[in-house]
Amino acid sequence: MDDCRLPKRLFYGELSTGKRTTGRPKKRYKDTFKEALKLCTIPQATWHEIAVDRTAWRSRVRSGVDDFEERRIKQKEERRQKRKECQNPAPQPDPAHSFPCPQCNRLFRARIGLISHLGTHPPH
């Protein structure tokens, strides 16, 4: 198919304006505002009526932000606790398969390690 034919240009997303941008669409102020209202538990349908009274609006926003911060910190602590629970503790050596040094009580997994250690650190 010829490169300048319309089906191929549509397929590759190139029209008179050039290439299409990749990724998500640009976030508008309105989208950001709606997301902030939702996080602060302010109803989107009636925020205009609340905003008419400036002192009530400011107190509502402040209480919503405080609640949001409390939820965020609580979720952060829960995620941290969950992450800490998933971590495996350091493996403890099996006492049946370990060889302790009589001088310093260092544990070796193999007998040859203990012999080598005793060669460089002779008993007193």
N, C-alpha and C. Protein backbone atom coordinates (compact mmCIF):
# COMPACT_ATOMS: atom_id res chain seq x y z
N MET A 1 0.85 -1.17 0.00
CA MET A 1 0.00 0.00 0.00
C MET A 1 0.90 1.24 0.00
N ASP A 2 0.50 2.20 -0.76
CA ASP A 2 1.28 3.43 -0.87
C ASP A 2 1.23 4.21 0.45
N ASP A 3 2.33 4.86 0.83
CA ASP A 3 2.42 5.56 2.12
C ASP A 3 1.47 6.74 2.24
N CYS A 4 1.08 7.33 1.12
CA CYS A 4 0.25 8.53 1.20
C CYS A 4 -1.25 8.22 1.18
N ARG A 5 -1.64 6.95 1.10
CA ARG A 5 -3.06 6.62 1.08
C ARG A 5 -3.67 6.82 2.45
N LEU A 6 -4.93 7.25 2.47
CA LEU A 6 -5.60 7.61 3.71
C LEU A 6 -5.71 6.45 4.70
N PRO A 7 -6.07 5.23 4.30
CA PRO A 7 -6.17 4.16 5.29
C PRO A 7 -4.85 3.93 6.04
N LYS A 8 -3.74 3.98 5.33
CA LYS A 8 -2.45 3.77 5.98
C LYS A 8 -2.12 4.95 6.90
N ARG A 9 -2.45 6.17 6.48
CA ARG A 9 -2.19 7.33 7.31
C ARG A 9 -3.05 7.29 8.57
N LEU A 10 -4.31 6.83 8.44
CA LEU A 10 -5.17 6.70 9.61
C LEU A 10 -4.66 5.60 10.54
N PHE A 11 -4.21 4.49 9.95
CA PHE A 11 -3.73 3.37 10.74
C PHE A 11 -2.53 3.79 11.59
N TYR A 12 -1.64 4.55 11.02
CA TYR A 12 -0.47 5.00 11.76
C TYR A 12 -0.72 6.31 12.51
N GLY A 13 -1.92 6.86 12.43
CA GLY A 13 -2.29 8.03 13.22
C GLY A 13 -1.70 9.33 12.73
N GLU A 14 -1.36 9.43 11.47
CA GLU A 14 -0.80 10.67 10.96
C GLU A 14 -1.79 11.31 9.99
N LEU A 15 -2.21 12.49 10.34
CA LEU A 15 -3.10 13.25 9.46
C LEU A 15 -2.42 14.58 9.17
N SER A 16 -3.20 15.58 8.84
CA SER A 16 -2.61 16.87 8.49
C SER A 16 -1.90 17.53 9.68
N THR A 17 -2.32 17.16 10.91
CA THR A 17 -1.70 17.77 12.08
C THR A 17 -0.41 17.07 12.49
N GLY A 18 -0.10 15.96 11.92
CA GLY A 18 1.12 15.25 12.27
C GLY A 18 0.83 14.03 13.12
N LYS A 19 1.83 13.57 13.85
CA LYS A 19 1.68 12.36 14.66
C LYS A 19 0.85 12.64 15.90
N ARG A 20 0.12 11.61 16.31
CA ARG A 20 -0.66 11.70 17.54
C ARG A 20 0.27 11.56 18.73
N THR A 21 -0.08 12.22 19.82
CA THR A 21 0.73 12.10 21.03
C THR A 21 0.47 10.74 21.66
N THR A 22 1.49 10.20 22.29
CA THR A 22 1.34 8.91 22.95
C THR A 22 1.00 9.14 24.42
N GLY A 23 0.46 8.12 25.04
CA GLY A 23 0.13 8.20 26.46
C GLY A 23 -1.27 8.73 26.69
N ARG A 24 -1.52 9.06 27.94
CA ARG A 24 -2.84 9.55 28.31
C ARG A 24 -3.02 10.99 27.86
N PRO A 25 -4.27 11.43 27.75
CA PRO A 25 -4.51 12.83 27.40
C PRO A 25 -4.01 13.76 28.51
N LYS A 26 -3.76 15.00 28.16
CA LYS A 26 -3.30 15.97 29.14
C LYS A 26 -4.39 16.22 30.16
N LYS A 27 -4.00 16.32 31.42
CA LYS A 27 -4.95 16.53 32.49
C LYS A 27 -5.34 18.00 32.55
N ARG A 28 -6.65 18.23 32.55
CA ARG A 28 -7.15 19.60 32.61
C ARG A 28 -7.30 20.04 34.07
N TYR A 29 -7.44 21.34 34.28
CA TYR A 29 -7.66 21.87 35.62
C TYR A 29 -8.95 21.31 36.21
N LYS A 30 -9.96 21.18 35.36
CA LYS A 30 -11.26 20.68 35.81
C LYS A 30 -11.12 19.26 36.35
N ASP A 31 -10.33 18.43 35.66
CA ASP A 31 -10.13 17.05 36.12
C ASP A 31 -9.40 17.02 37.46
N THR A 32 -8.39 17.86 37.59
CA THR A 32 -7.64 17.92 38.84
C THR A 32 -8.52 18.42 39.98
N PHE A 33 -9.36 19.40 39.69
CA PHE A 33 -10.26 19.95 40.70
C PHE A 33 -11.27 18.89 41.17
N LYS A 34 -11.84 18.14 40.22
CA LYS A 34 -12.80 17.10 40.58
C LYS A 34 -12.13 16.02 41.43
N GLU A 35 -10.90 15.67 41.09
CA GLU A 35 -10.18 14.66 41.86
C GLU A 35 -9.92 15.15 43.28
N ALA A 36 -9.56 16.43 43.42
CA ALA A 36 -9.31 16.99 44.74
C ALA A 36 -10.60 17.05 45.56
N LEU A 37 -11.72 17.40 44.92
CA LEU A 37 -13.01 17.40 45.63
C LEU A 37 -13.35 16.00 46.13
N LYS A 38 -13.11 15.01 45.30
CA LYS A 38 -13.41 13.64 45.69
C LYS A 38 -12.54 13.20 46.86
N LEU A 39 -11.25 13.55 46.84
CA LEU A 39 -10.35 13.17 47.92
C LEU A 39 -10.71 13.87 49.23
N CYS A 40 -11.25 15.09 49.13
CA CYS A 40 -11.64 15.85 50.32
C CYS A 40 -13.08 15.59 50.74
N THR A 41 -13.73 14.62 50.12
CA THR A 41 -15.13 14.24 50.39
C THR A 41 -16.08 15.42 50.32
N ILE A 42 -15.91 16.25 49.32
CA ILE A 42 -16.83 17.35 49.05
C ILE A 42 -17.66 16.94 47.84
N PRO A 43 -18.99 16.97 47.94
CA PRO A 43 -19.81 16.51 46.82
C PRO A 43 -19.62 17.38 45.58
N GLN A 44 -19.39 16.73 44.44
CA GLN A 44 -19.14 17.46 43.20
C GLN A 44 -20.38 18.19 42.71
N ALA A 45 -21.53 17.63 42.99
CA ALA A 45 -22.77 18.21 42.47
C ALA A 45 -23.14 19.51 43.18
N THR A 46 -22.77 19.64 44.46
CA THR A 46 -23.24 20.80 45.23
C THR A 46 -22.11 21.68 45.75
N TRP A 47 -20.91 21.58 45.19
CA TRP A 47 -19.82 22.38 45.72
C TRP A 47 -20.02 23.86 45.45
N HIS A 48 -20.81 24.20 44.41
CA HIS A 48 -21.07 25.62 44.12
C HIS A 48 -21.82 26.28 45.27
N GLU A 49 -22.82 25.58 45.81
CA GLU A 49 -23.60 26.14 46.90
C GLU A 49 -22.76 26.28 48.17
N ILE A 50 -21.88 25.32 48.40
CA ILE A 50 -21.02 25.40 49.59
C ILE A 50 -20.03 26.55 49.46
N ALA A 51 -19.53 26.79 48.24
CA ALA A 51 -18.50 27.81 48.03
C ALA A 51 -19.05 29.23 48.12
N VAL A 52 -20.37 29.40 48.09
CA VAL A 52 -20.94 30.75 48.19
C VAL A 52 -20.60 31.36 49.55
N ASP A 53 -20.75 30.57 50.61
CA ASP A 53 -20.38 31.03 51.95
C ASP A 53 -18.89 30.74 52.15
N ARG A 54 -18.08 31.79 52.11
CA ARG A 54 -16.62 31.60 52.10
C ARG A 54 -16.09 30.94 53.37
N THR A 55 -16.61 31.32 54.53
CA THR A 55 -16.11 30.72 55.78
C THR A 55 -16.48 29.24 55.85
N ALA A 56 -17.70 28.91 55.43
CA ALA A 56 -18.11 27.50 55.43
C ALA A 56 -17.28 26.70 54.44
N TRP A 57 -17.01 27.31 53.27
CA TRP A 57 -16.19 26.63 52.26
C TRP A 57 -14.78 26.35 52.78
N ARG A 58 -14.19 27.37 53.43
CA ARG A 58 -12.83 27.20 53.93
C ARG A 58 -12.78 26.14 55.02
N SER A 59 -13.77 26.13 55.91
CA SER A 59 -13.78 25.12 56.97
C SER A 59 -14.02 23.73 56.39
N ARG A 60 -14.88 23.64 55.39
CA ARG A 60 -15.15 22.35 54.75
C ARG A 60 -13.90 21.81 54.04
N VAL A 61 -13.21 22.69 53.35
CA VAL A 61 -11.98 22.28 52.65
C VAL A 61 -10.92 21.87 53.67
N ARG A 62 -10.77 22.65 54.73
CA ARG A 62 -9.76 22.33 55.73
C ARG A 62 -10.05 20.99 56.41
N SER A 63 -11.31 20.75 56.78
CA SER A 63 -11.64 19.46 57.41
C SER A 63 -11.46 18.31 56.42
N GLY A 64 -11.79 18.55 55.15
CA GLY A 64 -11.59 17.52 54.13
C GLY A 64 -10.13 17.19 53.93
N VAL A 65 -9.28 18.21 53.93
CA VAL A 65 -7.84 17.99 53.77
C VAL A 65 -7.28 17.26 54.98
N ASP A 66 -7.74 17.63 56.18
CA ASP A 66 -7.27 16.94 57.38
C ASP A 66 -7.65 15.46 57.36
N ASP A 67 -8.90 15.18 56.96
CA ASP A 67 -9.34 13.78 56.85
C ASP A 67 -8.52 13.03 55.80
N PHE A 68 -8.26 13.69 54.68
CA PHE A 68 -7.47 13.06 53.63
C PHE A 68 -6.06 12.74 54.12
N GLU A 69 -5.45 13.67 54.83
CA GLU A 69 -4.09 13.44 55.35
C GLU A 69 -4.08 12.29 56.34
N GLU A 70 -5.09 12.22 57.21
CA GLU A 70 -5.17 11.11 58.17
C GLU A 70 -5.29 9.78 57.44
N ARG A 71 -6.16 9.73 56.42
CA ARG A 71 -6.32 8.49 55.64
C ARG A 71 -5.04 8.12 54.93
N ARG A 72 -4.36 9.13 54.37
CA ARG A 72 -3.12 8.87 53.63
C ARG A 72 -2.04 8.32 54.55
N ILE A 73 -1.89 8.90 55.73
CA ILE A 73 -0.88 8.44 56.68
C ILE A 73 -1.22 7.04 57.17
N LYS A 74 -2.51 6.79 57.43
CA LYS A 74 -2.93 5.47 57.88
C LYS A 74 -2.66 4.42 56.80
N GLN A 75 -2.98 4.73 55.55
CA GLN A 75 -2.73 3.80 54.45
C GLN A 75 -1.23 3.56 54.28
N LYS A 76 -0.44 4.62 54.45
CA LYS A 76 1.01 4.48 54.32
C LYS A 76 1.55 3.55 55.40
N GLU A 77 1.07 3.71 56.63
CA GLU A 77 1.51 2.84 57.72
C GLU A 77 1.07 1.39 57.49
N GLU A 78 -0.15 1.19 56.97
CA GLU A 78 -0.62 -0.17 56.69
C GLU A 78 0.22 -0.83 55.61
N ARG A 79 0.54 -0.06 54.55
CA ARG A 79 1.39 -0.61 53.49
C ARG A 79 2.77 -0.96 54.02
N ARG A 80 3.31 -0.09 54.88
CA ARG A 80 4.63 -0.34 55.45
C ARG A 80 4.60 -1.58 56.33
N GLN A 81 3.55 -1.72 57.15
CA GLN A 81 3.42 -2.89 58.02
C GLN A 81 3.31 -4.16 57.20
N LYS A 82 2.51 -4.10 56.15
CA LYS A 82 2.35 -5.26 55.28
C LYS A 82 3.67 -5.63 54.60
N ARG A 83 4.41 -4.62 54.17
CA ARG A 83 5.71 -4.86 53.54
C ARG A 83 6.69 -5.47 54.54
N LYS A 84 6.68 -5.00 55.78
CA LYS A 84 7.58 -5.52 56.80
C LYS A 84 7.23 -6.96 57.16
N GLU A 85 5.93 -7.30 57.15
CA GLU A 85 5.52 -8.67 57.45
C GLU A 85 5.97 -9.65 56.38
N CYS A 86 6.03 -9.18 55.14
CA CYS A 86 6.40 -10.06 54.03
C CYS A 86 7.89 -10.35 53.99
N GLN A 87 8.70 -9.52 54.61
CA GLN A 87 10.14 -9.75 54.57
C GLN A 87 10.49 -10.98 55.39
N ASN A 88 11.35 -11.81 54.83
CA ASN A 88 11.78 -13.01 55.53
C ASN A 88 12.92 -12.67 56.48
N PRO A 89 12.87 -13.21 57.69
CA PRO A 89 13.98 -12.96 58.60
C PRO A 89 15.24 -13.68 58.11
N ALA A 90 16.38 -13.27 58.63
CA ALA A 90 17.64 -13.89 58.22
C ALA A 90 17.62 -15.36 58.62
N PRO A 91 18.04 -16.24 57.74
CA PRO A 91 18.00 -17.67 58.07
C PRO A 91 18.98 -18.00 59.19
N GLN A 92 18.50 -18.74 60.16
CA GLN A 92 19.33 -19.15 61.28
C GLN A 92 20.05 -20.45 60.91
N PRO A 93 21.30 -20.60 61.30
CA PRO A 93 22.01 -21.82 60.95
C PRO A 93 21.42 -23.02 61.68
N ASP A 94 21.40 -24.12 60.99
CA ASP A 94 20.89 -25.36 61.56
C ASP A 94 21.92 -25.88 62.57
N PRO A 95 21.54 -26.06 63.85
CA PRO A 95 22.53 -26.48 64.84
C PRO A 95 23.13 -27.86 64.55
N ALA A 96 22.38 -28.73 63.87
CA ALA A 96 22.90 -30.06 63.56
C ALA A 96 23.97 -30.00 62.49
N HIS A 97 23.94 -28.99 61.62
CA HIS A 97 24.88 -28.87 60.52
C HIS A 97 25.81 -27.68 60.68
N SER A 98 26.07 -27.25 61.91
CA SER A 98 26.97 -26.13 62.12
C SER A 98 28.11 -26.56 63.05
N PHE A 99 29.24 -25.92 62.85
CA PHE A 99 30.43 -26.25 63.62
C PHE A 99 30.90 -24.98 64.33
N PRO A 100 30.75 -24.91 65.67
CA PRO A 100 31.16 -23.70 66.38
C PRO A 100 32.66 -23.70 66.68
N CYS A 101 33.23 -22.52 66.66
CA CYS A 101 34.63 -22.36 67.03
C CYS A 101 34.72 -22.40 68.56
N PRO A 102 35.64 -23.18 69.12
CA PRO A 102 35.73 -23.24 70.58
C PRO A 102 36.24 -21.94 71.21
N GLN A 103 36.90 -21.09 70.42
CA GLN A 103 37.45 -19.85 70.96
C GLN A 103 36.43 -18.70 70.95
N CYS A 104 35.85 -18.46 69.75
CA CYS A 104 35.01 -17.26 69.59
C CYS A 104 33.53 -17.58 69.35
N ASN A 105 33.15 -18.83 69.35
CA ASN A 105 31.76 -19.29 69.15
C ASN A 105 31.19 -18.90 67.80
N ARG A 106 32.07 -18.65 66.83
CA ARG A 106 31.61 -18.39 65.47
C ARG A 106 31.15 -19.70 64.86
N LEU A 107 30.02 -19.65 64.12
CA LEU A 107 29.46 -20.86 63.53
C LEU A 107 29.91 -21.00 62.08
N PHE A 108 30.26 -22.21 61.70
CA PHE A 108 30.66 -22.53 60.34
C PHE A 108 29.73 -23.60 59.80
N ARG A 109 29.38 -23.46 58.52
CA ARG A 109 28.48 -24.44 57.90
C ARG A 109 29.20 -25.73 57.54
N ALA A 110 30.49 -25.64 57.26
CA ALA A 110 31.26 -26.82 56.88
C ALA A 110 32.43 -27.00 57.84
N ARG A 111 32.83 -28.25 58.04
CA ARG A 111 33.93 -28.57 58.93
C ARG A 111 35.24 -27.97 58.42
N ILE A 112 35.39 -27.94 57.10
CA ILE A 112 36.61 -27.39 56.52
C ILE A 112 36.76 -25.90 56.83
N GLY A 113 35.63 -25.20 56.94
CA GLY A 113 35.68 -23.79 57.31
C GLY A 113 36.20 -23.60 58.72
N LEU A 114 35.76 -24.48 59.63
CA LEU A 114 36.25 -24.42 61.01
C LEU A 114 37.74 -24.73 61.06
N ILE A 115 38.18 -25.75 60.30
CA ILE A 115 39.60 -26.12 60.29
C ILE A 115 40.44 -24.97 59.75
N SER A 116 39.98 -24.33 58.68
CA SER A 116 40.69 -23.19 58.12
C SER A 116 40.75 -22.03 59.12
N HIS A 117 39.65 -21.80 59.80
CA HIS A 117 39.60 -20.74 60.81
C HIS A 117 40.58 -21.02 61.95
N LEU A 118 40.62 -22.28 62.40
CA LEU A 118 41.53 -22.63 63.48
C LEU A 118 42.98 -22.56 63.04
N GLY A 119 43.23 -22.74 61.73
CA GLY A 119 44.60 -22.60 61.23
C GLY A 119 45.09 -21.18 61.30
N THR A 120 44.23 -20.22 61.07
CA THR A 120 44.63 -18.81 61.13
C THR A 120 44.43 -18.21 62.51
N HIS A 121 43.58 -18.81 63.32
CA HIS A 121 43.33 -18.35 64.69
C HIS A 121 43.54 -19.54 65.63
N PRO A 122 44.79 -19.85 65.95
CA PRO A 122 45.04 -21.05 66.76
C PRO A 122 44.50 -20.89 68.18
N PRO A 123 44.09 -22.01 68.79
CA PRO A 123 43.60 -21.94 70.18
C PRO A 123 44.74 -21.57 71.13
N HIS A 124 44.40 -20.92 72.22
CA HIS A 124 45.42 -20.45 73.18
C HIS A 124 45.84 -21.57 74.07
